[in-house]
Amino acid sequence: ETQYLSDTKPAATDSVDVAGVTPGAALMLHNTVRVRQGMDENSSVVDVVYAGMQVTVGQNFASGWTSVTTSSGKSGYVRSDLLQ
């Protein structure tokens, strides 16, 4: 039976809305930020994005971090409050 199947993808349980930070959007940074490998201040820095440069926003997490992809193609996490 297909009555229990759905074409809709379930929402990520940790996903949250962050004001001014839209998933999939290109965002111009007002501050220089470190893009980290994990959602932790002690996590390795994979890239540094300087004020005036853009990142592509991935997903906002309830832990206060947002996944981003830099213009050089590197992916990682930035504290969500630094993107606002």
N, C-alpha and C. Protein backbone atom coordinates (compact mmCIF):
# COMPACT_ATOMS: atom_id res chain seq x y z
N GLU A 1 0.82 -1.18 0.00
CA GLU A 1 0.00 0.00 0.00
C GLU A 1 0.87 1.25 0.00
N THR A 2 0.48 2.24 -0.77
CA THR A 2 1.24 3.48 -0.85
C THR A 2 0.62 4.59 -0.03
N GLN A 3 -0.48 4.32 0.65
CA GLN A 3 -1.16 5.38 1.41
C GLN A 3 -0.32 5.94 2.54
N TYR A 4 0.69 5.18 2.97
CA TYR A 4 1.54 5.64 4.08
C TYR A 4 2.82 6.32 3.60
N LEU A 5 2.99 6.42 2.30
CA LEU A 5 4.19 7.04 1.75
C LEU A 5 3.94 8.52 1.51
N SER A 6 4.99 9.29 1.61
CA SER A 6 4.89 10.72 1.40
C SER A 6 6.07 11.20 0.57
N ASP A 7 5.82 12.20 -0.27
CA ASP A 7 6.89 12.79 -1.07
C ASP A 7 7.60 13.90 -0.30
N THR A 8 7.04 14.31 0.83
CA THR A 8 7.65 15.41 1.56
C THR A 8 8.75 14.90 2.47
N LYS A 9 9.81 15.65 2.49
CA LYS A 9 10.97 15.30 3.32
C LYS A 9 10.71 15.79 4.75
N PRO A 10 10.95 14.97 5.75
CA PRO A 10 10.73 15.43 7.12
C PRO A 10 11.70 16.56 7.48
N ALA A 11 11.25 17.47 8.30
CA ALA A 11 12.09 18.59 8.72
C ALA A 11 13.17 18.09 9.66
N ALA A 12 14.34 18.69 9.57
CA ALA A 12 15.42 18.34 10.50
C ALA A 12 15.01 18.80 11.90
N THR A 13 15.15 17.95 12.86
CA THR A 13 14.65 18.25 14.21
C THR A 13 15.42 19.38 14.87
N ASP A 14 16.65 19.61 14.46
CA ASP A 14 17.47 20.64 15.11
C ASP A 14 17.45 21.95 14.33
N SER A 15 16.69 21.99 13.24
CA SER A 15 16.67 23.17 12.39
C SER A 15 15.81 24.27 13.02
N VAL A 16 16.31 25.48 13.01
CA VAL A 16 15.57 26.62 13.57
C VAL A 16 15.65 27.80 12.60
N ASP A 17 14.73 28.74 12.76
CA ASP A 17 14.78 29.97 11.97
C ASP A 17 15.62 31.00 12.71
N VAL A 18 16.49 31.66 11.98
CA VAL A 18 17.31 32.72 12.55
C VAL A 18 17.00 33.98 11.76
N ALA A 19 16.65 35.05 12.46
CA ALA A 19 16.25 36.30 11.81
C ALA A 19 17.33 36.78 10.85
N GLY A 20 16.95 37.03 9.60
CA GLY A 20 17.87 37.57 8.62
C GLY A 20 18.80 36.55 7.99
N VAL A 21 18.68 35.27 8.40
CA VAL A 21 19.56 34.23 7.87
C VAL A 21 18.68 33.18 7.20
N THR A 22 18.58 33.25 5.86
CA THR A 22 17.70 32.37 5.10
C THR A 22 18.49 31.24 4.46
N PRO A 23 18.16 29.98 4.78
CA PRO A 23 18.87 28.86 4.16
C PRO A 23 18.84 28.95 2.63
N GLY A 24 19.99 28.72 2.02
CA GLY A 24 20.12 28.78 0.56
C GLY A 24 20.48 30.14 0.02
N ALA A 25 20.42 31.17 0.86
CA ALA A 25 20.69 32.53 0.41
C ALA A 25 22.17 32.86 0.51
N ALA A 26 22.61 33.76 -0.36
CA ALA A 26 23.96 34.30 -0.24
C ALA A 26 23.88 35.46 0.74
N LEU A 27 24.80 35.49 1.67
CA LEU A 27 24.76 36.48 2.73
C LEU A 27 26.08 37.25 2.77
N MET A 28 25.99 38.57 2.71
CA MET A 28 27.17 39.44 2.81
C MET A 28 27.52 39.61 4.28
N LEU A 29 28.76 39.34 4.64
CA LEU A 29 29.16 39.43 6.04
C LEU A 29 29.56 40.84 6.43
N HIS A 30 29.18 41.23 7.64
CA HIS A 30 29.54 42.54 8.19
C HIS A 30 30.77 42.42 9.07
N ASN A 31 31.10 41.19 9.46
CA ASN A 31 32.24 40.94 10.33
C ASN A 31 33.12 39.85 9.72
N THR A 32 34.37 39.81 10.10
CA THR A 32 35.23 38.70 9.71
C THR A 32 34.91 37.53 10.63
N VAL A 33 34.68 36.35 10.04
CA VAL A 33 34.31 35.18 10.85
C VAL A 33 35.19 33.98 10.49
N ARG A 34 35.37 33.12 11.45
CA ARG A 34 36.07 31.86 11.23
C ARG A 34 35.03 30.78 10.95
N VAL A 35 35.23 30.06 9.86
CA VAL A 35 34.36 28.93 9.53
C VAL A 35 35.00 27.69 10.14
N ARG A 36 34.25 27.01 11.00
CA ARG A 36 34.81 25.89 11.76
C ARG A 36 34.32 24.55 11.24
N GLN A 37 35.13 23.52 11.51
CA GLN A 37 34.81 22.17 11.05
C GLN A 37 33.58 21.60 11.76
N GLY A 38 33.39 21.98 13.02
CA GLY A 38 32.26 21.50 13.81
C GLY A 38 31.58 22.66 14.51
N MET A 39 30.46 22.36 15.18
CA MET A 39 29.70 23.38 15.89
C MET A 39 30.27 23.58 17.29
N ASP A 40 31.50 24.13 17.34
CA ASP A 40 32.20 24.26 18.60
C ASP A 40 33.30 25.30 18.44
N GLU A 41 33.44 26.19 19.40
CA GLU A 41 34.47 27.23 19.35
C GLU A 41 35.88 26.64 19.30
N ASN A 42 36.05 25.43 19.77
CA ASN A 42 37.37 24.78 19.77
C ASN A 42 37.62 23.93 18.54
N SER A 43 36.64 23.87 17.65
CA SER A 43 36.77 23.07 16.44
C SER A 43 37.76 23.73 15.47
N SER A 44 38.39 22.92 14.64
CA SER A 44 39.38 23.43 13.68
C SER A 44 38.77 24.46 12.73
N VAL A 45 39.56 25.48 12.39
CA VAL A 45 39.13 26.50 11.43
C VAL A 45 39.42 25.98 10.02
N VAL A 46 38.36 25.93 9.18
CA VAL A 46 38.55 25.46 7.81
C VAL A 46 38.72 26.61 6.84
N ASP A 47 38.24 27.81 7.22
CA ASP A 47 38.38 28.97 6.35
C ASP A 47 38.09 30.23 7.17
N VAL A 48 38.56 31.36 6.71
CA VAL A 48 38.25 32.65 7.32
C VAL A 48 37.57 33.48 6.23
N VAL A 49 36.41 34.04 6.57
CA VAL A 49 35.67 34.87 5.62
C VAL A 49 35.69 36.29 6.17
N TYR A 50 36.15 37.21 5.35
CA TYR A 50 36.33 38.59 5.79
C TYR A 50 35.09 39.43 5.54
N ALA A 51 34.94 40.49 6.32
CA ALA A 51 33.82 41.42 6.15
C ALA A 51 33.75 41.86 4.69
N GLY A 52 32.53 41.88 4.15
CA GLY A 52 32.33 42.27 2.76
C GLY A 52 32.29 41.09 1.80
N MET A 53 32.69 39.91 2.28
CA MET A 53 32.64 38.71 1.44
C MET A 53 31.30 38.00 1.68
N GLN A 54 30.96 37.07 0.78
CA GLN A 54 29.69 36.36 0.89
C GLN A 54 29.90 34.90 1.26
N VAL A 55 28.90 34.35 1.95
CA VAL A 55 28.81 32.91 2.19
C VAL A 55 27.43 32.48 1.75
N THR A 56 27.28 31.20 1.42
CA THR A 56 25.97 30.64 1.13
C THR A 56 25.51 29.91 2.39
N VAL A 57 24.34 30.29 2.85
CA VAL A 57 23.81 29.74 4.10
C VAL A 57 23.23 28.35 3.85
N GLY A 58 23.56 27.43 4.76
CA GLY A 58 23.00 26.09 4.70
C GLY A 58 21.83 25.99 5.65
N GLN A 59 22.06 25.42 6.82
CA GLN A 59 21.00 25.19 7.79
C GLN A 59 21.34 25.86 9.11
N ASN A 60 20.32 26.39 9.76
CA ASN A 60 20.46 26.99 11.09
C ASN A 60 20.17 25.92 12.13
N PHE A 61 20.99 25.82 13.15
CA PHE A 61 20.81 24.79 14.17
C PHE A 61 20.47 25.42 15.51
N ALA A 62 19.67 24.70 16.29
CA ALA A 62 19.23 25.18 17.61
C ALA A 62 20.41 25.42 18.55
N SER A 63 21.54 24.80 18.26
CA SER A 63 22.73 24.97 19.10
C SER A 63 23.37 26.34 18.93
N GLY A 64 22.81 27.17 18.01
CA GLY A 64 23.35 28.52 17.81
C GLY A 64 24.38 28.60 16.71
N TRP A 65 24.45 27.59 15.86
CA TRP A 65 25.39 27.56 14.75
C TRP A 65 24.64 27.44 13.44
N THR A 66 25.27 27.92 12.36
CA THR A 66 24.69 27.84 11.02
C THR A 66 25.75 27.25 10.09
N SER A 67 25.31 26.29 9.25
CA SER A 67 26.25 25.74 8.27
C SER A 67 26.33 26.70 7.09
N VAL A 68 27.54 26.88 6.57
CA VAL A 68 27.77 27.79 5.45
C VAL A 68 28.75 27.16 4.48
N THR A 69 28.72 27.68 3.24
CA THR A 69 29.73 27.34 2.24
C THR A 69 30.36 28.65 1.81
N THR A 70 31.69 28.70 1.85
CA THR A 70 32.40 29.93 1.50
C THR A 70 32.54 30.07 -0.01
N SER A 71 32.95 31.24 -0.46
CA SER A 71 33.13 31.47 -1.90
C SER A 71 34.24 30.59 -2.47
N SER A 72 35.13 30.09 -1.61
CA SER A 72 36.18 29.18 -2.09
C SER A 72 35.71 27.71 -2.08
N GLY A 73 34.42 27.50 -1.72
CA GLY A 73 33.86 26.16 -1.79
C GLY A 73 34.02 25.33 -0.53
N LYS A 74 34.56 25.93 0.53
CA LYS A 74 34.74 25.17 1.77
C LYS A 74 33.47 25.26 2.62
N SER A 75 33.10 24.15 3.24
CA SER A 75 31.90 24.12 4.07
C SER A 75 32.28 23.96 5.53
N GLY A 76 31.48 24.58 6.38
CA GLY A 76 31.70 24.47 7.81
C GLY A 76 30.61 25.19 8.56
N TYR A 77 30.90 25.58 9.79
CA TYR A 77 29.89 26.17 10.67
C TYR A 77 30.37 27.51 11.21
N VAL A 78 29.41 28.43 11.37
CA VAL A 78 29.66 29.76 11.91
C VAL A 78 28.62 30.00 12.99
N ARG A 79 29.00 30.67 14.08
CA ARG A 79 28.02 31.03 15.09
C ARG A 79 26.95 31.90 14.44
N SER A 80 25.70 31.53 14.63
CA SER A 80 24.58 32.21 13.99
C SER A 80 24.53 33.69 14.31
N ASP A 81 24.88 34.08 15.53
CA ASP A 81 24.82 35.50 15.91
C ASP A 81 25.82 36.35 15.14
N LEU A 82 26.86 35.74 14.59
CA LEU A 82 27.85 36.48 13.81
C LEU A 82 27.36 36.77 12.40
N LEU A 83 26.28 36.13 11.98
CA LEU A 83 25.76 36.31 10.63
C LEU A 83 24.70 37.40 10.57
N GLN A 84 24.24 37.87 11.71
CA GLN A 84 23.14 38.82 11.72
C GLN A 84 23.59 40.25 11.62
